[in-house]
Amino acid sequence: MFRIKISFLAVITFLIVFGILSWYTFKYFRSDNCIKEYSWINIQLRCVEKPIIKKTEYKNFKQTLLEKIESYKAEQKVTSVAVYFRDLSNGPIFGINELEEFIPASLLKVPLMMTYFRIAEEKPSLLDDNISYNRDDAELAQTVAPSETLEKRKEYSVMYLIGKLIIDSDNRAFIALKDNLDAVYPQKDLLLETYHEVGVINLGGNLENTLNIKSYASVFRLLYNASYLSKKYSDLALDYLAHSSYKEGLRAGVPANIPMAHKFGERFSEQGKQLHECGIIYFPGNPYLLCVMTKGQDFAQLAGILQDISKAVYEEVNSRLIK
């Protein structure tokens, strides 16, 4: 009887130890595999990780930013600035001039990419189609121009053009992709449909239409949470955004080893210049969303403001690390 009890206890102990080791092994490999499969979407959709940033309000920091903005205006570097911040690990949100209207310009290239990926979820062959830029009229001028643009009437795959659209912000890629969308689906305005579905309202295909920073920020949040596209295409979209060639704004305010998925937009007219950027900064264990929109007279100064605000936000987040 005594031997039976010892054997029974040994079996129970073995099962408990085996269960614990199996759970840790499963957790490790699940974590390792989900990190490898998806790199850019919400980590809570990939692996569970506890937040490491203090979640108190940014009231004092917001006041600091307001004072910075007033100093920019006093120095005549800018006429207007809007800021939107969101802690993407269930943390605080704050905005400055978040309902002011700006011309989004190249920021609208992100919803165009999302439109193609939405279609590709049911018709993936669309991304392999070859199309060309065929306009004879002058395309929209770009201050921050791609190093190489498309050749007229040369065919490129849709997937290649999406890369040019997002990574290099190529206006010819935008026109080629938009013209193709209208030709393939002549009875529908699928891009306008995307604007409405992602919350960027009151916009047509006209790049001179306006929006506010709060409505545009929702585009990046939808990608991060894979709540508009599938995980596959949300991650792919963010991967393109993470390889943006524009480095003068938000990217310059964050250490080079911190990944960032971001998109800028610029517009100039007789009334002045506008430079904006929105992105997800993948602060270790606690990514955050930051958008900054500006109006002024000098692109270099506006880029400096984007960088300065980005640096200030990063330092504030970093100061909240629970060590």
C-alpha atoms as a PDB file:
ATOM      1  CA  MET A   1       0.000   0.000   0.000  1.00  0.00           C
ATOM      2  CA  PHE A   2       2.854   2.360   0.899  1.00  0.00           C
ATOM      3  CA  ARG A   3       4.555   1.656  -2.436  1.00  0.00           C
ATOM      4  CA  ILE A   4       1.302   2.315  -4.260  1.00  0.00           C
ATOM      5  CA  LYS A   5       0.968   5.726  -2.559  1.00  0.00           C
ATOM      6  CA  ILE A   6       4.570   6.632  -3.482  1.00  0.00           C
ATOM      7  CA  SER A   7       3.983   5.576  -7.091  1.00  0.00           C
ATOM      8  CA  PHE A   8       0.739   7.554  -7.201  1.00  0.00           C
ATOM      9  CA  LEU A   9       2.476  10.680  -5.827  1.00  0.00           C
ATOM     10  CA  ALA A  10       5.325  10.212  -8.281  1.00  0.00           C
ATOM     11  CA  VAL A  11       2.873  10.025 -11.187  1.00  0.00           C
ATOM     12  CA  ILE A  12       1.027  13.133  -9.987  1.00  0.00           C
ATOM     13  CA  THR A  13       4.315  15.025  -9.544  1.00  0.00           C
ATOM     14  CA  PHE A  14       5.466  13.960 -13.003  1.00  0.00           C
ATOM     15  CA  LEU A  15       2.212  15.104 -14.584  1.00  0.00           C
ATOM     16  CA  ILE A  16       2.381  18.481 -12.837  1.00  0.00           C
ATOM     17  CA  VAL A  17       6.006  19.061 -13.864  1.00  0.00           C
ATOM     18  CA  PHE A  18       5.270  17.841 -17.393  1.00  0.00           C
ATOM     19  CA  GLY A  19       2.273  20.153 -17.625  1.00  0.00           C
ATOM     20  CA  ILE A  20       4.258  23.179 -16.466  1.00  0.00           C
ATOM     21  CA  LEU A  21       7.130  22.461 -18.875  1.00  0.00           C
ATOM     22  CA  SER A  22       4.687  21.873 -21.721  1.00  0.00           C
ATOM     23  CA  TRP A  23       2.916  25.143 -21.008  1.00  0.00           C
ATOM     24  CA  TYR A  24       6.182  27.104 -20.980  1.00  0.00           C
ATOM     25  CA  THR A  25       7.380  25.324 -24.121  1.00  0.00           C
ATOM     26  CA  PHE A  26       4.085  26.069 -25.886  1.00  0.00           C
ATOM     27  CA  LYS A  27       4.184  29.663 -24.709  1.00  0.00           C
ATOM     28  CA  TYR A  28       7.783  30.111 -25.890  1.00  0.00           C
ATOM     29  CA  PHE A  29       7.272  28.592 -29.324  1.00  0.00           C
ATOM     30  CA  ARG A  30       3.914  30.327 -29.788  1.00  0.00           C
ATOM     31  CA  SER A  31       5.523  33.640 -28.886  1.00  0.00           C
ATOM     32  CA  ASP A  32       8.516  32.983 -31.126  1.00  0.00           C
ATOM     33  CA  ASN A  33       6.361  31.882 -34.051  1.00  0.00           C
ATOM     34  CA  CYS A  34       3.845  34.712 -33.832  1.00  0.00           C
ATOM     35  CA  ILE A  35       6.633  37.298 -33.690  1.00  0.00           C
ATOM     36  CA  LYS A  36       8.195  35.823 -36.823  1.00  0.00           C
ATOM     37  CA  GLU A  37       4.904  35.601 -38.703  1.00  0.00           C
ATOM     38  CA  TYR A  38       3.670  39.123 -37.946  1.00  0.00           C
ATOM     39  CA  SER A  39       6.091  41.969 -37.378  1.00  0.00           C
ATOM     40  CA  TRP A  40       4.068  45.157 -37.392  1.00  0.00           C
ATOM     41  CA  ILE A  41       0.469  44.680 -36.183  1.00  0.00           C
ATOM     42  CA  ASN A  42      -0.663  45.008 -32.550  1.00  0.00           C
ATOM     43  CA  ILE A  43       1.535  42.753 -30.421  1.00  0.00           C
ATOM     44  CA  GLN A  44      -1.537  41.685 -28.447  1.00  0.00           C
ATOM     45  CA  LEU A  45      -2.747  40.032 -31.635  1.00  0.00           C
ATOM     46  CA  ARG A  46       0.578  38.185 -31.842  1.00  0.00           C
ATOM     47  CA  CYS A  47       1.766  37.594 -28.289  1.00  0.00           C
ATOM     48  CA  VAL A  48       0.679  38.755 -24.852  1.00  0.00           C
ATOM     49  CA  GLU A  49       3.029  41.175 -23.165  1.00  0.00           C
ATOM     50  CA  LYS A  50       2.528  43.375 -20.124  1.00  0.00           C
ATOM     51  CA  PRO A  51       2.760  47.151 -20.583  1.00  0.00           C
ATOM     52  CA  ILE A  52       5.885  48.744 -19.154  1.00  0.00           C
ATOM     53  CA  ILE A  53       4.925  52.421 -19.427  1.00  0.00           C
ATOM     54  CA  LYS A  54       3.207  54.442 -16.718  1.00  0.00           C
ATOM     55  CA  LYS A  55      -0.325  55.157 -17.861  1.00  0.00           C
ATOM     56  CA  THR A  56      -0.915  58.479 -16.120  1.00  0.00           C
ATOM     57  CA  GLU A  57      -2.322  61.387 -18.142  1.00  0.00           C
ATOM     58  CA  TYR A  58      -0.109  63.538 -20.370  1.00  0.00           C
ATOM     59  CA  LYS A  59      -1.633  66.767 -19.036  1.00  0.00           C
ATOM     60  CA  ASN A  60       1.666  68.404 -18.034  1.00  0.00           C
ATOM     61  CA  PHE A  61       3.430  67.223 -21.179  1.00  0.00           C
ATOM     62  CA  LYS A  62       0.593  68.529 -23.351  1.00  0.00           C
ATOM     63  CA  GLN A  63       1.066  71.944 -21.759  1.00  0.00           C
ATOM     64  CA  THR A  64       4.784  71.730 -22.553  1.00  0.00           C
ATOM     65  CA  LEU A  65       3.971  71.006 -26.194  1.00  0.00           C
ATOM     66  CA  LEU A  66       1.516  73.911 -26.319  1.00  0.00           C
ATOM     67  CA  GLU A  67       4.274  76.219 -25.091  1.00  0.00           C
ATOM     68  CA  LYS A  68       6.630  74.822 -27.733  1.00  0.00           C
ATOM     69  CA  ILE A  69       4.060  75.487 -30.442  1.00  0.00           C
ATOM     70  CA  GLU A  70       3.577  79.057 -29.260  1.00  0.00           C
ATOM     71  CA  SER A  71       7.347  79.573 -29.408  1.00  0.00           C
ATOM     72  CA  TYR A  72       7.410  78.226 -32.994  1.00  0.00           C
ATOM     73  CA  LYS A  73       4.702  80.727 -33.917  1.00  0.00           C
ATOM     74  CA  ALA A  74       6.531  83.587 -32.191  1.00  0.00           C
ATOM     75  CA  GLU A  75       9.638  82.720 -34.216  1.00  0.00           C
ATOM     76  CA  GLN A  76       7.458  82.672 -37.359  1.00  0.00           C
ATOM     77  CA  LYS A  77       8.456  79.088 -38.130  1.00  0.00           C
ATOM     78  CA  VAL A  78       4.852  77.949 -38.347  1.00  0.00           C
ATOM     79  CA  THR A  79       1.347  79.389 -38.485  1.00  0.00           C
ATOM     80  CA  SER A  80      -0.521  76.327 -37.204  1.00  0.00           C
ATOM     81  CA  VAL A  81       0.269  72.943 -35.623  1.00  0.00           C
ATOM     82  CA  ALA A  82      -1.966  69.993 -34.747  1.00  0.00           C
ATOM     83  CA  VAL A  83      -0.822  66.981 -32.705  1.00  0.00           C
ATOM     84  CA  TYR A  84      -2.502  63.661 -31.963  1.00  0.00           C
ATOM     85  CA  PHE A  85      -0.994  61.090 -29.594  1.00  0.00           C
ATOM     86  CA  ARG A  86      -2.306  57.680 -28.599  1.00  0.00           C
ATOM     87  CA  ASP A  87      -0.684  55.075 -26.377  1.00  0.00           C
ATOM     88  CA  LEU A  88      -1.458  51.862 -28.268  1.00  0.00           C
ATOM     89  CA  SER A  89      -1.222  49.660 -25.167  1.00  0.00           C
ATOM     90  CA  ASN A  90      -4.497  50.827 -23.613  1.00  0.00           C
ATOM     91  CA  GLY A  91      -2.955  54.072 -22.442  1.00  0.00           C
ATOM     92  CA  PRO A  92      -3.722  57.805 -22.569  1.00  0.00           C
ATOM     93  CA  ILE A  93      -4.711  59.881 -25.591  1.00  0.00           C
ATOM     94  CA  PHE A  94      -4.314  63.598 -26.133  1.00  0.00           C
ATOM     95  CA  GLY A  95      -4.764  66.047 -28.978  1.00  0.00           C
ATOM     96  CA  ILE A  96      -3.848  69.646 -29.806  1.00  0.00           C
ATOM     97  CA  ASN A  97      -5.955  71.457 -32.448  1.00  0.00           C
ATOM     98  CA  GLU A  98      -7.199  67.987 -33.378  1.00  0.00           C
ATOM     99  CA  LEU A  99     -10.259  69.250 -35.273  1.00  0.00           C
ATOM    100  CA  GLU A 100      -8.471  71.876 -37.409  1.00  0.00           C
ATOM    101  CA  GLU A 101      -8.657  71.160 -41.147  1.00  0.00           C
ATOM    102  CA  PHE A 102      -5.526  70.435 -43.212  1.00  0.00           C
ATOM    103  CA  ILE A 103      -4.895  69.309 -46.794  1.00  0.00           C
ATOM    104  CA  PRO A 104      -3.824  65.661 -46.442  1.00  0.00           C
ATOM    105  CA  ALA A 105      -2.010  65.431 -49.785  1.00  0.00           C
ATOM    106  CA  SER A 106       0.149  62.286 -49.902  1.00  0.00           C
ATOM    107  CA  LEU A 107      -1.330  60.969 -46.665  1.00  0.00           C
ATOM    108  CA  LEU A 108      -4.198  59.798 -48.892  1.00  0.00           C
ATOM    109  CA  LYS A 109      -1.862  57.304 -50.520  1.00  0.00           C
ATOM    110  CA  VAL A 110      -2.294  55.017 -47.511  1.00  0.00           C
ATOM    111  CA  PRO A 111      -6.068  54.510 -48.052  1.00  0.00           C
ATOM    112  CA  LEU A 112      -5.347  53.789 -51.739  1.00  0.00           C
ATOM    113  CA  MET A 113      -2.988  50.992 -50.693  1.00  0.00           C
ATOM    114  CA  MET A 114      -5.641  49.734 -48.273  1.00  0.00           C
ATOM    115  CA  THR A 115      -8.206  49.702 -51.094  1.00  0.00           C
ATOM    116  CA  TYR A 116      -6.019  47.442 -53.207  1.00  0.00           C
ATOM    117  CA  PHE A 117      -5.296  45.112 -50.303  1.00  0.00           C
ATOM    118  CA  ARG A 118      -9.013  44.962 -49.464  1.00  0.00           C
ATOM    119  CA  ILE A 119      -9.719  43.786 -53.009  1.00  0.00           C
ATOM    120  CA  ALA A 120      -6.736  41.412 -52.921  1.00  0.00           C
ATOM    121  CA  GLU A 121      -8.217  39.533 -49.976  1.00  0.00           C
ATOM    122  CA  GLU A 122     -10.769  38.101 -52.427  1.00  0.00           C
ATOM    123  CA  LYS A 123      -8.794  38.552 -55.647  1.00  0.00           C
ATOM    124  CA  PRO A 124      -5.051  38.243 -54.874  1.00  0.00           C
ATOM    125  CA  SER A 125      -4.177  38.041 -58.575  1.00  0.00           C
ATOM    126  CA  LEU A 126      -4.948  41.770 -58.806  1.00  0.00           C
ATOM    127  CA  LEU A 127      -1.565  42.517 -57.215  1.00  0.00           C
ATOM    128  CA  ASP A 128       0.218  40.735 -60.066  1.00  0.00           C
ATOM    129  CA  ASP A 129      -1.501  42.739 -62.814  1.00  0.00           C
ATOM    130  CA  ASN A 130       0.765  44.919 -64.923  1.00  0.00           C
ATOM    131  CA  ILE A 131      -0.284  48.528 -65.474  1.00  0.00           C
ATOM    132  CA  SER A 132       1.395  51.732 -66.625  1.00  0.00           C
ATOM    133  CA  TYR A 133       1.414  55.489 -66.067  1.00  0.00           C
ATOM    134  CA  ASN A 134      -0.152  56.932 -69.208  1.00  0.00           C
ATOM    135  CA  ARG A 135      -0.923  60.571 -68.426  1.00  0.00           C
ATOM    136  CA  ASP A 136       0.392  63.196 -70.812  1.00  0.00           C
ATOM    137  CA  ASP A 137      -0.477  66.039 -68.442  1.00  0.00           C
ATOM    138  CA  ALA A 138       1.929  67.196 -65.747  1.00  0.00           C
ATOM    139  CA  GLU A 139       1.648  65.267 -62.508  1.00  0.00           C
ATOM    140  CA  LEU A 140       1.417  66.999 -59.153  1.00  0.00           C
ATOM    141  CA  ALA A 141       4.747  68.569 -58.238  1.00  0.00           C
ATOM    142  CA  GLN A 142       6.615  67.109 -55.274  1.00  0.00           C
ATOM    143  CA  THR A 143       9.006  69.004 -53.009  1.00  0.00           C
ATOM    144  CA  VAL A 144      10.104  65.720 -51.442  1.00  0.00           C
ATOM    145  CA  ALA A 145      10.414  63.868 -54.736  1.00  0.00           C
ATOM    146  CA  PRO A 146      11.320  60.182 -55.217  1.00  0.00           C
ATOM    147  CA  SER A 147      14.886  59.518 -56.394  1.00  0.00           C
ATOM    148  CA  GLU A 148      13.449  57.608 -59.362  1.00  0.00           C
ATOM    149  CA  THR A 149       9.936  57.905 -60.723  1.00  0.00           C
ATOM    150  CA  LEU A 150       7.944  55.847 -63.199  1.00  0.00           C
ATOM    151  CA  GLU A 151       8.604  55.908 -66.911  1.00  0.00           C
ATOM    152  CA  LYS A 152       5.589  56.798 -69.011  1.00  0.00           C
ATOM    153  CA  ARG A 153       3.873  53.855 -70.713  1.00  0.00           C
ATOM    154  CA  LYS A 154       6.214  51.305 -69.134  1.00  0.00           C
ATOM    155  CA  GLU A 155       4.374  48.479 -67.399  1.00  0.00           C
ATOM    156  CA  TYR A 156       4.838  47.719 -63.702  1.00  0.00           C
ATOM    157  CA  SER A 157       3.124  45.237 -61.407  1.00  0.00           C
ATOM    158  CA  VAL A 158       0.492  46.601 -59.028  1.00  0.00           C
ATOM    159  CA  MET A 159       2.572  45.312 -56.108  1.00  0.00           C
ATOM    160  CA  TYR A 160       5.624  47.240 -57.320  1.00  0.00           C
ATOM    161  CA  LEU A 161       3.552  50.397 -57.709  1.00  0.00           C
ATOM    162  CA  ILE A 162       2.190  50.066 -54.173  1.00  0.00           C
ATOM    163  CA  GLY A 163       5.792  50.001 -52.983  1.00  0.00           C
ATOM    164  CA  LYS A 164       6.561  53.173 -54.949  1.00  0.00           C
ATOM    165  CA  LEU A 165       3.339  54.725 -53.682  1.00  0.00           C
ATOM    166  CA  ILE A 166       4.189  54.236 -50.002  1.00  0.00           C
ATOM    167  CA  ILE A 167       7.958  53.937 -49.711  1.00  0.00           C
ATOM    168  CA  ASP A 168       8.839  56.734 -52.159  1.00  0.00           C
ATOM    169  CA  SER A 169       5.486  58.566 -52.112  1.00  0.00           C
ATOM    170  CA  ASP A 170       5.548  58.642 -55.914  1.00  0.00           C
ATOM    171  CA  ASN A 171       2.717  60.735 -57.381  1.00  0.00           C
ATOM    172  CA  ARG A 172       2.871  58.893 -60.699  1.00  0.00           C
ATOM    173  CA  ALA A 173       2.295  55.618 -58.838  1.00  0.00           C
ATOM    174  CA  PHE A 174      -0.769  57.185 -57.192  1.00  0.00           C
ATOM    175  CA  ILE A 175      -2.186  58.281 -60.546  1.00  0.00           C
ATOM    176  CA  ALA A 176      -1.457  54.932 -62.227  1.00  0.00           C
ATOM    177  CA  LEU A 177      -3.061  52.937 -59.404  1.00  0.00           C
ATOM    178  CA  LYS A 178      -6.087  55.249 -59.150  1.00  0.00           C
ATOM    179  CA  ASP A 179      -6.639  55.215 -62.943  1.00  0.00           C
ATOM    180  CA  ASN A 180      -6.406  51.417 -62.949  1.00  0.00           C
ATOM    181  CA  LEU A 181      -8.903  51.148 -60.100  1.00  0.00           C
ATOM    182  CA  ASP A 182     -11.370  53.339 -61.998  1.00  0.00           C
ATOM    183  CA  ALA A 183     -10.869  51.289 -65.182  1.00  0.00           C
ATOM    184  CA  VAL A 184     -11.316  47.892 -63.515  1.00  0.00           C
ATOM    185  CA  TYR A 185     -14.313  49.024 -61.423  1.00  0.00           C
ATOM    186  CA  PRO A 186     -15.952  51.803 -63.514  1.00  0.00           C
ATOM    187  CA  GLN A 187     -19.289  51.600 -61.687  1.00  0.00           C
ATOM    188  CA  LYS A 188     -17.808  52.211 -58.237  1.00  0.00           C
ATOM    189  CA  ASP A 189     -15.564  54.737 -56.524  1.00  0.00           C
ATOM    190  CA  LEU A 190     -13.746  52.215 -54.337  1.00  0.00           C
ATOM    191  CA  LEU A 191     -11.241  54.736 -52.996  1.00  0.00           C
ATOM    192  CA  LEU A 192     -14.021  57.047 -51.823  1.00  0.00           C
ATOM    193  CA  GLU A 193     -15.672  54.006 -50.274  1.00  0.00           C
ATOM    194  CA  THR A 194     -12.471  53.309 -48.324  1.00  0.00           C
ATOM    195  CA  TYR A 195     -12.307  56.923 -47.121  1.00  0.00           C
ATOM    196  CA  HIS A 196     -15.765  56.547 -45.630  1.00  0.00           C
ATOM    197  CA  GLU A 197     -15.158  53.101 -44.170  1.00  0.00           C
ATOM    198  CA  VAL A 198     -11.947  54.061 -42.372  1.00  0.00           C
ATOM    199  CA  GLY A 199     -13.441  57.270 -41.015  1.00  0.00           C
ATOM    200  CA  VAL A 200     -11.720  59.775 -43.304  1.00  0.00           C
ATOM    201  CA  ILE A 201     -14.958  61.467 -44.312  1.00  0.00           C
ATOM    202  CA  ASN A 202     -15.924  64.289 -46.682  1.00  0.00           C
ATOM    203  CA  LEU A 203     -13.179  63.381 -49.144  1.00  0.00           C
ATOM    204  CA  GLY A 204     -13.321  62.614 -52.822  1.00  0.00           C
ATOM    205  CA  GLY A 205     -10.403  61.850 -55.100  1.00  0.00           C
ATOM    206  CA  ASN A 206      -9.372  65.503 -54.941  1.00  0.00           C
ATOM    207  CA  LEU A 207      -6.118  65.894 -53.012  1.00  0.00           C
ATOM    208  CA  GLU A 208      -7.076  69.489 -52.158  1.00  0.00           C
ATOM    209  CA  ASN A 209      -9.906  68.383 -49.888  1.00  0.00           C
ATOM    210  CA  THR A 210      -9.310  68.668 -46.164  1.00  0.00           C
ATOM    211  CA  LEU A 211      -9.488  66.545 -43.041  1.00  0.00           C
ATOM    212  CA  ASN A 212      -8.499  66.795 -39.398  1.00  0.00           C
ATOM    213  CA  ILE A 213      -5.695  64.986 -37.640  1.00  0.00           C
ATOM    214  CA  LYS A 214      -7.962  62.946 -35.382  1.00  0.00           C
ATOM    215  CA  SER A 215      -9.880  61.406 -38.285  1.00  0.00           C
ATOM    216  CA  TYR A 216      -6.708  60.570 -40.185  1.00  0.00           C
ATOM    217  CA  ALA A 217      -5.024  58.944 -37.179  1.00  0.00           C
ATOM    218  CA  SER A 218      -7.735  56.273 -37.264  1.00  0.00           C
ATOM    219  CA  VAL A 219      -6.203  54.922 -40.495  1.00  0.00           C
ATOM    220  CA  PHE A 220      -3.022  53.861 -38.707  1.00  0.00           C
ATOM    221  CA  ARG A 221      -4.921  52.483 -35.742  1.00  0.00           C
ATOM    222  CA  LEU A 222      -7.034  50.303 -38.048  1.00  0.00           C
ATOM    223  CA  LEU A 223      -3.885  48.879 -39.605  1.00  0.00           C
ATOM    224  CA  TYR A 224      -2.214  48.300 -36.245  1.00  0.00           C
ATOM    225  CA  ASN A 225      -5.219  46.462 -34.836  1.00  0.00           C
ATOM    226  CA  ALA A 226      -5.900  44.610 -38.120  1.00  0.00           C
ATOM    227  CA  SER A 227      -9.517  45.721 -37.818  1.00  0.00           C
ATOM    228  CA  TYR A 228     -10.063  46.764 -41.450  1.00  0.00           C
ATOM    229  CA  LEU A 229      -7.811  44.405 -43.394  1.00  0.00           C
ATOM    230  CA  SER A 230      -6.810  40.861 -42.506  1.00  0.00           C
ATOM    231  CA  LYS A 231      -3.735  40.285 -40.348  1.00  0.00           C
ATOM    232  CA  LYS A 232      -1.760  39.368 -43.462  1.00  0.00           C
ATOM    233  CA  TYR A 233      -2.510  42.562 -45.354  1.00  0.00           C
ATOM    234  CA  SER A 234      -2.449  44.835 -42.294  1.00  0.00           C
ATOM    235  CA  ASP A 235       1.047  43.585 -41.536  1.00  0.00           C
ATOM    236  CA  LEU A 236       2.106  43.976 -45.164  1.00  0.00           C
ATOM    237  CA  ALA A 237       0.777  47.550 -45.278  1.00  0.00           C
ATOM    238  CA  LEU A 238       2.674  48.475 -42.118  1.00  0.00           C
ATOM    239  CA  ASP A 239       5.802  46.812 -43.491  1.00  0.00           C
ATOM    240  CA  TYR A 240       5.694  49.109 -46.528  1.00  0.00           C
ATOM    241  CA  LEU A 241       5.167  52.106 -44.231  1.00  0.00           C
ATOM    242  CA  ALA A 242       8.118  50.997 -42.090  1.00  0.00           C
ATOM    243  CA  HIS A 243      10.380  51.294 -45.151  1.00  0.00           C
ATOM    244  CA  SER A 244       9.424  54.888 -45.976  1.00  0.00           C
ATOM    245  CA  SER A 245      12.342  56.740 -47.556  1.00  0.00           C
ATOM    246  CA  TYR A 246      11.378  60.015 -45.850  1.00  0.00           C
ATOM    247  CA  LYS A 247      13.660  60.543 -42.846  1.00  0.00           C
ATOM    248  CA  GLU A 248      13.463  64.288 -42.127  1.00  0.00           C
ATOM    249  CA  GLY A 249      10.393  64.429 -39.874  1.00  0.00           C
ATOM    250  CA  LEU A 250       9.165  62.083 -37.146  1.00  0.00           C
ATOM    251  CA  ARG A 251      11.840  59.493 -37.981  1.00  0.00           C
ATOM    252  CA  ALA A 252      14.624  61.978 -37.170  1.00  0.00           C
ATOM    253  CA  GLY A 253      13.255  62.532 -33.659  1.00  0.00           C
ATOM    254  CA  VAL A 254      13.434  58.878 -32.618  1.00  0.00           C
ATOM    255  CA  PRO A 255      16.552  56.685 -32.126  1.00  0.00           C
ATOM    256  CA  ALA A 256      17.444  54.763 -35.268  1.00  0.00           C
ATOM    257  CA  ASN A 257      17.061  51.393 -33.530  1.00  0.00           C
ATOM    258  CA  ILE A 258      13.355  52.040 -32.780  1.00  0.00           C
ATOM    259  CA  PRO A 259      11.190  50.792 -35.693  1.00  0.00           C
ATOM    260  CA  MET A 260       8.576  53.144 -37.118  1.00  0.00           C
ATOM    261  CA  ALA A 261       5.799  52.755 -39.694  1.00  0.00           C
ATOM    262  CA  HIS A 262       5.057  56.237 -41.051  1.00  0.00           C
ATOM    263  CA  LYS A 263       3.790  58.353 -43.945  1.00  0.00           C
ATOM    264  CA  PHE A 264       4.249  62.040 -44.725  1.00  0.00           C
ATOM    265  CA  GLY A 265       2.259  64.448 -46.862  1.00  0.00           C
ATOM    266  CA  GLU A 266       3.220  67.862 -48.252  1.00  0.00           C
ATOM    267  CA  ARG A 267       1.353  70.545 -50.143  1.00  0.00           C
ATOM    268  CA  PHE A 268       2.258  74.059 -51.253  1.00  0.00           C
ATOM    269  CA  SER A 269       0.151  76.845 -52.687  1.00  0.00           C
ATOM    270  CA  GLU A 270      -0.018  80.630 -52.788  1.00  0.00           C
ATOM    271  CA  GLN A 271      -1.538  80.530 -49.313  1.00  0.00           C
ATOM    272  CA  GLY A 272       1.465  78.707 -47.848  1.00  0.00           C
ATOM    273  CA  LYS A 273       2.943  75.293 -47.289  1.00  0.00           C
ATOM    274  CA  GLN A 274       1.754  72.282 -45.321  1.00  0.00           C
ATOM    275  CA  LEU A 275       3.803  69.333 -44.086  1.00  0.00           C
ATOM    276  CA  HIS A 276       2.333  66.454 -42.100  1.00  0.00           C
ATOM    277  CA  GLU A 277       3.391  63.046 -40.869  1.00  0.00           C
ATOM    278  CA  CYS A 278       1.664  60.228 -39.057  1.00  0.00           C
ATOM    279  CA  GLY A 279       3.211  57.048 -37.746  1.00  0.00           C
ATOM    280  CA  ILE A 280       3.420  54.249 -35.241  1.00  0.00           C
ATOM    281  CA  ILE A 281       6.577  54.324 -33.139  1.00  0.00           C
ATOM    282  CA  TYR A 282       7.354  50.796 -31.918  1.00  0.00           C
ATOM    283  CA  PHE A 283       8.673  51.753 -28.507  1.00  0.00           C
ATOM    284  CA  PRO A 284       9.820  48.438 -26.930  1.00  0.00           C
ATOM    285  CA  GLY A 285       6.798  46.728 -25.381  1.00  0.00           C
ATOM    286  CA  ASN A 286       4.587  49.800 -25.749  1.00  0.00           C
ATOM    287  CA  PRO A 287       4.093  51.247 -29.269  1.00  0.00           C
ATOM    288  CA  TYR A 288       2.417  54.624 -29.646  1.00  0.00           C
ATOM    289  CA  LEU A 289       0.742  56.548 -32.445  1.00  0.00           C
ATOM    290  CA  LEU A 290       1.853  60.096 -33.220  1.00  0.00           C
ATOM    291  CA  CYS A 291       0.533  62.444 -35.913  1.00  0.00           C
ATOM    292  CA  VAL A 292       1.671  66.016 -36.483  1.00  0.00           C
ATOM    293  CA  MET A 293       0.233  68.430 -39.065  1.00  0.00           C
ATOM    294  CA  THR A 294       1.727  71.851 -39.791  1.00  0.00           C
ATOM    295  CA  LYS A 295       1.176  74.995 -41.852  1.00  0.00           C
ATOM    296  CA  GLY A 296       3.866  77.582 -42.597  1.00  0.00           C
ATOM    297  CA  GLN A 297       6.102  79.075 -45.271  1.00  0.00           C
ATOM    298  CA  ASP A 298       9.256  76.933 -45.205  1.00  0.00           C
ATOM    299  CA  PHE A 299       9.369  73.148 -45.590  1.00  0.00           C
ATOM    300  CA  ALA A 300      12.724  72.840 -43.835  1.00  0.00           C
ATOM    301  CA  GLN A 301      11.381  74.641 -40.781  1.00  0.00           C
ATOM    302  CA  LEU A 302       8.202  72.558 -40.785  1.00  0.00           C
ATOM    303  CA  ALA A 303      10.266  69.351 -41.004  1.00  0.00           C
ATOM    304  CA  GLY A 304      12.303  70.599 -38.039  1.00  0.00           C
ATOM    305  CA  ILE A 305       9.104  71.042 -36.037  1.00  0.00           C
ATOM    306  CA  LEU A 306       7.987  67.486 -36.861  1.00  0.00           C
ATOM    307  CA  GLN A 307      11.363  66.236 -35.677  1.00  0.00           C
ATOM    308  CA  ASP A 308      11.337  68.369 -32.525  1.00  0.00           C
ATOM    309  CA  ILE A 309       7.844  67.256 -31.465  1.00  0.00           C
ATOM    310  CA  SER A 310       8.673  63.629 -32.253  1.00  0.00           C
ATOM    311  CA  LYS A 311      11.828  63.830 -30.118  1.00  0.00           C
ATOM    312  CA  ALA A 312       9.937  65.443 -27.227  1.00  0.00           C
ATOM    313  CA  VAL A 313       7.216  62.759 -27.318  1.00  0.00           C
ATOM    314  CA  TYR A 314       9.754  59.935 -27.455  1.00  0.00           C
ATOM    315  CA  GLU A 315      11.656  61.341 -24.472  1.00  0.00           C
ATOM    316  CA  GLU A 316       8.416  61.711 -22.506  1.00  0.00           C
ATOM    317  CA  VAL A 317       7.393  58.108 -23.215  1.00  0.00           C
ATOM    318  CA  ASN A 318      10.893  56.871 -22.399  1.00  0.00           C
ATOM    319  CA  SER A 319      10.827  58.756 -19.072  1.00  0.00           C
ATOM    320  CA  ARG A 320       7.748  56.721 -18.077  1.00  0.00           C
ATOM    321  CA  LEU A 321       9.540  53.398 -18.247  1.00  0.00           C
ATOM    322  CA  ILE A 322       8.918  51.278 -15.170  1.00  0.00           C
ATOM    323  CA  LYS A 323      12.393  50.044 -14.261  1.00  0.00           C
END
